[in-house]
C-alpha atoms as a PDB file:
ATOM      1  CA  MET A   1       1.924   0.573  -8.085  1.00  0.00           C
ATOM      2  CA  LEU A   2      -0.735   2.786  -6.576  1.00  0.00           C
ATOM      3  CA  PHE A   3      -4.489   2.368  -7.005  1.00  0.00           C
ATOM      4  CA  ARG A   4      -6.775   5.296  -6.256  1.00  0.00           C
ATOM      5  CA  THR A   5     -10.194   4.125  -5.107  1.00  0.00           C
ATOM      6  CA  THR A   6     -12.024   7.323  -6.067  1.00  0.00           C
ATOM      7  CA  ALA A   7     -11.740   6.404  -9.777  1.00  0.00           C
ATOM      8  CA  GLN A   8     -13.898   4.070 -11.852  1.00  0.00           C
ATOM      9  CA  PRO A   9     -13.366   0.444 -10.653  1.00  0.00           C
ATOM     10  CA  PHE A  10     -12.117  -2.296 -12.990  1.00  0.00           C
ATOM     11  CA  GLN A  11     -11.045  -5.923 -13.101  1.00  0.00           C
ATOM     12  CA  LEU A  12      -7.811  -7.686 -12.281  1.00  0.00           C
ATOM     13  CA  PHE A  13      -6.425  -7.234 -15.798  1.00  0.00           C
ATOM     14  CA  VAL A  14      -5.139  -3.812 -14.727  1.00  0.00           C
ATOM     15  CA  LEU A  15      -2.548  -5.485 -12.535  1.00  0.00           C
ATOM     16  CA  GLY A  16      -1.232  -7.369 -15.550  1.00  0.00           C
ATOM     17  CA  LEU A  17      -1.265  -4.132 -17.539  1.00  0.00           C
ATOM     18  CA  ALA A  18       0.801  -2.374 -14.910  1.00  0.00           C
ATOM     19  CA  LEU A  19       3.282  -5.216 -14.473  1.00  0.00           C
ATOM     20  CA  ALA A  20       3.651  -5.619 -18.225  1.00  0.00           C
ATOM     21  CA  ALA A  21       4.504  -1.947 -18.593  1.00  0.00           C
ATOM     22  CA  GLY A  22       8.117  -2.496 -17.511  1.00  0.00           C
ATOM     23  CA  PRO A  23      10.607  -4.919 -15.897  1.00  0.00           C
ATOM     24  CA  ALA A  24      10.089  -5.626 -12.207  1.00  0.00           C
ATOM     25  CA  LEU A  25      13.433  -4.177 -11.094  1.00  0.00           C
ATOM     26  CA  ALA A  26      13.110  -1.222  -8.708  1.00  0.00           C
ATOM     27  CA  GLN A  27      10.341   0.162 -10.918  1.00  0.00           C
ATOM     28  CA  THR A  28       7.468   2.346  -9.747  1.00  0.00           C
ATOM     29  CA  THR A  29       4.133   2.000 -11.536  1.00  0.00           C
ATOM     30  CA  THR A  30       1.165   4.366 -11.211  1.00  0.00           C
ATOM     31  CA  VAL A  31      -2.260   3.464 -12.576  1.00  0.00           C
ATOM     32  CA  LYS A  32      -4.924   6.113 -13.184  1.00  0.00           C
ATOM     33  CA  VAL A  33      -8.506   5.708 -14.370  1.00  0.00           C
ATOM     34  CA  LYS A  34     -10.864   8.252 -15.937  1.00  0.00           C
ATOM     35  CA  ASP A  35     -14.098   7.574 -17.790  1.00  0.00           C
ATOM     36  CA  ASN A  36     -13.301   3.837 -18.036  1.00  0.00           C
ATOM     37  CA  LYS A  37      -9.893   4.559 -19.595  1.00  0.00           C
ATOM     38  CA  VAL A  38      -6.846   3.103 -17.865  1.00  0.00           C
ATOM     39  CA  LYS A  39      -3.413   4.708 -18.066  1.00  0.00           C
ATOM     40  CA  ALA A  40      -0.302   3.055 -16.595  1.00  0.00           C
ATOM     41  CA  LYS A  41       2.982   4.941 -16.188  1.00  0.00           C
ATOM     42  CA  THR A  42       6.108   2.975 -15.259  1.00  0.00           C
ATOM     43  CA  THR A  43       9.345   4.677 -14.189  1.00  0.00           C
ATOM     44  CA  ALA A  44      12.397   2.393 -14.256  1.00  0.00           C
ATOM     45  CA  ALA A  45      15.481   2.663 -12.060  1.00  0.00           C
ATOM     46  CA  ASP A  46      17.368   4.448 -14.856  1.00  0.00           C
ATOM     47  CA  GLY A  47      14.719   7.170 -15.064  1.00  0.00           C
ATOM     48  CA  SER A  48      13.135   5.985 -18.311  1.00  0.00           C
ATOM     49  CA  VAL A  49       9.341   6.229 -18.510  1.00  0.00           C
ATOM     50  CA  GLN A  50       6.932   3.872 -20.272  1.00  0.00           C
ATOM     51  CA  ARG A  51       3.209   4.565 -20.689  1.00  0.00           C
ATOM     52  CA  THR A  52       0.446   2.051 -21.434  1.00  0.00           C
ATOM     53  CA  LYS A  53      -3.259   2.628 -22.156  1.00  0.00           C
ATOM     54  CA  ALA A  54      -6.302   0.330 -22.043  1.00  0.00           C
ATOM     55  CA  VAL A  55     -10.081   0.381 -21.622  1.00  0.00           C
ATOM     56  CA  ALA A  56     -11.539  -0.881 -18.335  1.00  0.00           C
ATOM     57  CA  PRO A  57     -14.324  -3.511 -18.334  1.00  0.00           C
ATOM     58  CA  ALA A  58     -17.190  -3.895 -15.884  1.00  0.00           C
ATOM     59  CA  ALA A  59     -17.054  -2.430 -12.389  1.00  0.00           C
ATOM     60  CA  ALA A  60     -16.068  -4.436  -9.321  1.00  0.00           C
ATOM     61  CA  PRO A  61     -18.205  -4.658  -6.185  1.00  0.00           C
ATOM     62  CA  GLN A  62     -17.847  -1.957  -3.546  1.00  0.00           C
ATOM     63  CA  PRO A  63     -15.827  -2.741  -0.394  1.00  0.00           C
ATOM     64  CA  THR A  64     -17.393  -2.142   3.000  1.00  0.00           C
ATOM     65  CA  SER A  65     -14.993   0.533   4.275  1.00  0.00           C
ATOM     66  CA  PRO A  66     -16.074   4.134   3.609  1.00  0.00           C
ATOM     67  CA  VAL A  67     -12.432   5.013   2.944  1.00  0.00           C
ATOM     68  CA  ALA A  68     -11.858   2.205   0.423  1.00  0.00           C
ATOM     69  CA  SER A  69     -14.794   3.263  -1.689  1.00  0.00           C
ATOM     70  CA  ALA A  70     -14.337   1.498  -5.056  1.00  0.00           C
ATOM     71  CA  PRO A  71     -11.519  -1.020  -5.526  1.00  0.00           C
ATOM     72  CA  GLN A  72      -9.760  -0.888  -8.859  1.00  0.00           C
ATOM     73  CA  ALA A  73      -8.047  -4.268  -8.644  1.00  0.00           C
ATOM     74  CA  VAL A  74      -9.856  -7.071  -6.885  1.00  0.00           C
ATOM     75  CA  LEU A  75      -9.402 -10.706  -6.097  1.00  0.00           C
ATOM     76  CA  SER A  76     -12.100 -13.320  -6.528  1.00  0.00           C
ATOM     77  CA  ALA A  77     -14.909 -13.456  -4.013  1.00  0.00           C
ATOM     78  CA  THR A  78     -13.394 -16.546  -2.412  1.00  0.00           C
ATOM     79  CA  ALA A  79     -10.001 -14.967  -1.717  1.00  0.00           C
ATOM     80  CA  ASP A  80      -8.913 -14.847   1.886  1.00  0.00           C
ATOM     81  CA  ALA A  81      -6.757 -12.394   3.780  1.00  0.00           C
ATOM     82  CA  PRO A  82      -3.087 -13.367   4.258  1.00  0.00           C
ATOM     83  CA  ALA A  83      -2.646 -16.156   6.803  1.00  0.00           C
ATOM     84  CA  GLN A  84      -0.432 -14.073   9.103  1.00  0.00           C
ATOM     85  CA  SER A  85      -1.129 -10.374   9.445  1.00  0.00           C
ATOM     86  CA  LEU A  86       1.574  -7.749   9.789  1.00  0.00           C
ATOM     87  CA  GLU A  87       0.214  -6.974  13.256  1.00  0.00           C
ATOM     88  CA  ALA A  88       1.208 -10.500  14.312  1.00  0.00           C
ATOM     89  CA  ALA A  89       4.735  -9.659  13.180  1.00  0.00           C
ATOM     90  CA  GLY A  90       4.887  -6.593  15.422  1.00  0.00           C
ATOM     91  CA  TRP A  91       3.386  -3.848  13.254  1.00  0.00           C
ATOM     92  CA  LEU A  92       1.348  -1.367  15.290  1.00  0.00           C
ATOM     93  CA  PRO A  93      -2.375  -0.935  14.504  1.00  0.00           C
ATOM     94  CA  ASP A  94      -2.553   2.532  16.093  1.00  0.00           C
ATOM     95  CA  LEU A  95      -1.043   5.606  14.399  1.00  0.00           C
ATOM     96  CA  GLY A  96      -1.001   7.577  17.644  1.00  0.00           C
ATOM     97  CA  ALA A  97       0.958   4.836  19.419  1.00  0.00           C
ATOM     98  CA  ALA A  98       3.335   4.579  16.465  1.00  0.00           C
ATOM     99  CA  GLN A  99       3.987   8.323  16.479  1.00  0.00           C
ATOM    100  CA  ALA A 100       4.591   8.300  20.224  1.00  0.00           C
ATOM    101  CA  GLN A 101       7.087   5.455  19.857  1.00  0.00           C
ATOM    102  CA  ALA A 102       8.763   7.235  16.944  1.00  0.00           C
ATOM    103  CA  LYS A 103       9.226  10.390  18.963  1.00  0.00           C
ATOM    104  CA  ALA A 104      10.595   8.462  21.936  1.00  0.00           C
ATOM    105  CA  THR A 105      13.076   6.486  19.809  1.00  0.00           C
ATOM    106  CA  ASN A 106      13.814   9.173  17.185  1.00  0.00           C
ATOM    107  CA  ARG A 107      12.876   6.782  14.368  1.00  0.00           C
ATOM    108  CA  PRO A 108      10.651   7.437  11.328  1.00  0.00           C
ATOM    109  CA  VAL A 109       7.225   5.821  11.042  1.00  0.00           C
ATOM    110  CA  LEU A 110       6.349   3.652   8.061  1.00  0.00           C
ATOM    111  CA  ALA A 111       2.542   3.509   7.839  1.00  0.00           C
ATOM    112  CA  VAL A 112       1.060   1.089   5.293  1.00  0.00           C
ATOM    113  CA  PHE A 113      -2.577   1.101   4.079  1.00  0.00           C
ATOM    114  CA  SER A 114      -3.866  -2.074   2.438  1.00  0.00           C
ATOM    115  CA  GLY A 115      -6.917  -4.092   1.454  1.00  0.00           C
ATOM    116  CA  SER A 116      -5.833  -7.587   2.404  1.00  0.00           C
ATOM    117  CA  ASP A 117      -8.639  -9.556   0.767  1.00  0.00           C
ATOM    118  CA  TRP A 118      -9.445  -7.544  -2.366  1.00  0.00           C
ATOM    119  CA  CYS A 119      -6.388  -5.518  -3.435  1.00  0.00           C
ATOM    120  CA  LYS A 120      -3.914  -7.670  -5.362  1.00  0.00           C
ATOM    121  CA  PRO A 121      -1.038  -5.133  -5.287  1.00  0.00           C
ATOM    122  CA  CYS A 122      -1.520  -4.806  -1.502  1.00  0.00           C
ATOM    123  CA  ILE A 123      -1.083  -8.549  -1.077  1.00  0.00           C
ATOM    124  CA  MET A 124       1.938  -8.529  -3.400  1.00  0.00           C
ATOM    125  CA  TYR A 125       3.473  -5.703  -1.357  1.00  0.00           C
ATOM    126  CA  GLU A 126       3.076  -7.662   1.863  1.00  0.00           C
ATOM    127  CA  GLN A 127       4.329 -10.944   0.422  1.00  0.00           C
ATOM    128  CA  GLU A 128       7.240  -9.474  -1.527  1.00  0.00           C
ATOM    129  CA  VAL A 129       8.405  -6.804   0.923  1.00  0.00           C
ATOM    130  CA  PHE A 130       6.826  -6.259   4.333  1.00  0.00           C
ATOM    131  CA  ALA A 131       6.475  -9.901   5.429  1.00  0.00           C
ATOM    132  CA  LYS A 132       9.981 -10.840   4.287  1.00  0.00           C
ATOM    133  CA  PRO A 133      12.508 -11.653   7.057  1.00  0.00           C
ATOM    134  CA  GLU A 134      15.037  -9.409   5.309  1.00  0.00           C
ATOM    135  CA  PHE A 135      12.766  -6.389   5.661  1.00  0.00           C
ATOM    136  CA  THR A 136      11.903  -7.260   9.261  1.00  0.00           C
ATOM    137  CA  ALA A 137      15.603  -7.393  10.122  1.00  0.00           C
ATOM    138  CA  TYR A 138      16.261  -4.127   8.276  1.00  0.00           C
ATOM    139  CA  ALA A 139      13.393  -2.234   9.923  1.00  0.00           C
ATOM    140  CA  LYS A 140      13.931  -3.558  13.451  1.00  0.00           C
ATOM    141  CA  ASP A 141      16.181  -0.746  14.672  1.00  0.00           C
ATOM    142  CA  LYS A 142      15.411   1.834  11.989  1.00  0.00           C
ATOM    143  CA  LEU A 143      11.640   2.216  11.698  1.00  0.00           C
ATOM    144  CA  VAL A 144       8.424   2.191  13.672  1.00  0.00           C
ATOM    145  CA  LEU A 145       5.991   0.108  11.626  1.00  0.00           C
ATOM    146  CA  ALA A 146       2.217   0.697  11.471  1.00  0.00           C
ATOM    147  CA  HIS A 147      -0.377  -1.130   9.369  1.00  0.00           C
ATOM    148  CA  PHE A 148      -3.988  -0.241   8.577  1.00  0.00           C
ATOM    149  CA  ASP A 149      -6.041  -2.858   6.750  1.00  0.00           C
ATOM    150  CA  PHE A 150      -9.386  -2.263   5.022  1.00  0.00           C
ATOM    151  CA  PRO A 151     -10.686  -5.746   4.077  1.00  0.00           C
ATOM    152  CA  ARG A 152     -13.906  -6.157   2.133  1.00  0.00           C
ATOM    153  CA  GLN A 153     -15.176  -9.592   3.149  1.00  0.00           C
ATOM    154  CA  LYS A 154     -17.435  -9.718   6.186  1.00  0.00           C
ATOM    155  CA  ARG A 155     -15.452 -12.495   7.886  1.00  0.00           C
ATOM    156  CA  ASN A 156     -12.260 -10.411   7.702  1.00  0.00           C
ATOM    157  CA  GLN A 157     -13.665  -7.194   9.135  1.00  0.00           C
ATOM    158  CA  PRO A 158     -11.720  -5.650  12.044  1.00  0.00           C
ATOM    159  CA  THR A 159     -13.295  -4.890  15.379  1.00  0.00           C
ATOM    160  CA  ALA A 160     -15.192  -1.634  15.760  1.00  0.00           C
ATOM    161  CA  ALA A 161     -12.327  -0.239  17.833  1.00  0.00           C
ATOM    162  CA  GLN A 162      -9.747  -1.178  15.207  1.00  0.00           C
ATOM    163  CA  LEU A 163     -11.885   0.203  12.380  1.00  0.00           C
ATOM    164  CA  LYS A 164     -12.027   3.501  14.246  1.00  0.00           C
ATOM    165  CA  LEU A 165      -8.215   3.540  14.484  1.00  0.00           C
ATOM    166  CA  ASN A 166      -7.923   2.660  10.785  1.00  0.00           C
ATOM    167  CA  GLU A 167     -10.306   5.425   9.750  1.00  0.00           C
ATOM    168  CA  ALA A 168      -8.502   7.950  11.948  1.00  0.00           C
ATOM    169  CA  ALA A 169      -5.170   7.042  10.347  1.00  0.00           C
ATOM    170  CA  ALA A 170      -6.695   7.270   6.863  1.00  0.00           C
ATOM    171  CA  ALA A 171      -8.242  10.649   7.636  1.00  0.00           C
ATOM    172  CA  GLN A 172      -4.791  11.916   8.590  1.00  0.00           C
ATOM    173  CA  LEU A 173      -2.606  10.258   5.940  1.00  0.00           C
ATOM    174  CA  ASN A 174      -4.749   8.752   3.168  1.00  0.00           C
ATOM    175  CA  ARG A 175      -7.783  10.923   2.457  1.00  0.00           C
ATOM    176  CA  GLU A 176      -7.582  10.058  -1.239  1.00  0.00           C
ATOM    177  CA  GLY A 177      -8.164   6.349  -0.492  1.00  0.00           C
ATOM    178  CA  ASP A 178      -5.047   5.025  -2.251  1.00  0.00           C
ATOM    179  CA  PHE A 179      -4.301   1.292  -2.009  1.00  0.00           C
ATOM    180  CA  PRO A 180      -1.669   0.149  -1.459  1.00  0.00           C
ATOM    181  CA  LEU A 181      -0.066   3.188   0.135  1.00  0.00           C
ATOM    182  CA  ALA A 182       3.147   3.421   2.168  1.00  0.00           C
ATOM    183  CA  VAL A 183       3.680   6.677   4.052  1.00  0.00           C
ATOM    184  CA  LEU A 184       7.006   7.649   5.639  1.00  0.00           C
ATOM    185  CA  LEU A 185       6.760  10.075   8.572  1.00  0.00           C
ATOM    186  CA  SER A 186       9.512  11.858  10.470  1.00  0.00           C
ATOM    187  CA  PRO A 187       9.769  11.222  14.236  1.00  0.00           C
ATOM    188  CA  GLU A 188       7.967  14.567  14.636  1.00  0.00           C
ATOM    189  CA  GLY A 189       5.063  13.396  12.484  1.00  0.00           C
ATOM    190  CA  LYS A 190       5.864  15.251   9.242  1.00  0.00           C
ATOM    191  CA  VAL A 191       4.994  13.390   6.029  1.00  0.00           C
ATOM    192  CA  LEU A 192       8.283  12.793   4.209  1.00  0.00           C
ATOM    193  CA  ALA A 193       7.028  10.676   1.285  1.00  0.00           C
ATOM    194  CA  LYS A 194       4.150   8.564  -0.032  1.00  0.00           C
ATOM    195  CA  THR A 195       4.395   5.711  -2.514  1.00  0.00           C
ATOM    196  CA  GLY A 196       2.385   2.864  -3.957  1.00  0.00           C
ATOM    197  CA  TYR A 197       3.661  -0.595  -4.843  1.00  0.00           C
ATOM    198  CA  ILE A 198       7.401  -0.789  -5.605  1.00  0.00           C
ATOM    199  CA  ALA A 199       8.601  -3.897  -7.414  1.00  0.00           C
ATOM    200  CA  GLY A 200      11.951  -5.483  -6.611  1.00  0.00           C
ATOM    201  CA  GLY A 201      11.479  -6.867  -3.094  1.00  0.00           C
ATOM    202  CA  PRO A 202      12.997  -5.609   0.175  1.00  0.00           C
ATOM    203  CA  ALA A 203      16.190  -4.345  -1.462  1.00  0.00           C
ATOM    204  CA  ALA A 204      14.318  -2.043  -3.852  1.00  0.00           C
ATOM    205  CA  PHE A 205      12.056  -0.737  -1.089  1.00  0.00           C
ATOM    206  CA  GLU A 206      15.006  -0.127   1.224  1.00  0.00           C
ATOM    207  CA  ALA A 207      16.768   1.758  -1.571  1.00  0.00           C
ATOM    208  CA  TYR A 208      13.667   3.930  -1.954  1.00  0.00           C
ATOM    209  CA  LEU A 209      13.600   4.695   1.783  1.00  0.00           C
ATOM    210  CA  LYS A 210      17.294   5.647   1.760  1.00  0.00           C
ATOM    211  CA  LYS A 211      16.627   8.175  -0.991  1.00  0.00           C
ATOM    212  CA  ILE A 212      14.196   9.885   1.383  1.00  0.00           C
ATOM    213  CA  VAL A 213      16.225   9.454   4.584  1.00  0.00           C
ATOM    214  CA  PRO A 214      19.877   8.642   3.720  1.00  0.00           C
ATOM    215  CA  THR A 215      20.628   7.531   7.279  1.00  0.00           C
ATOM    216  CA  LEU A 216      18.179   4.604   7.082  1.00  0.00           C
END
């Protein structure tokens, strides 16, 4: 599920619309918004496609990051960021450092862009895939992991230095401002694939990665 922040913002019901569009088994859902009209397209594992339409209600507040300019799916104002960040689990907060490590180890980079305290699909992605021990074990010797968070609440804002690193990574890999966004890079820095939220947990995400790089 991929939310593009350059479109008209709308409330949390869009998440339910996207999830209701198809079964949560290795499905990929894309949500697009134009003139307050919401379109969800779900592609199942067997290749079948289901489309859903709706009308978006009132706009959500703007986040503080200039890259995350207008969230399309937001949590309540009292929502907090996840208790343990991916950085605490060993994800790198610097794209340059990640690319250097990838080149030295000949491993692809998985760079993830999220909004940890406003973007519901981002939080689902972390809880269902990236923070799972199964994914950590899988990625340990196969990937270099990098994470760039764009929270909205003042108390969750990164340091000025980290915000600069986040913006630099977004300028290189996520100029459209898509959240959540997972980008797979070759050890040489070439973009191999980009995807939004993928339902189905670590197994479904690993299957997606292996379609891009069969040796993973």
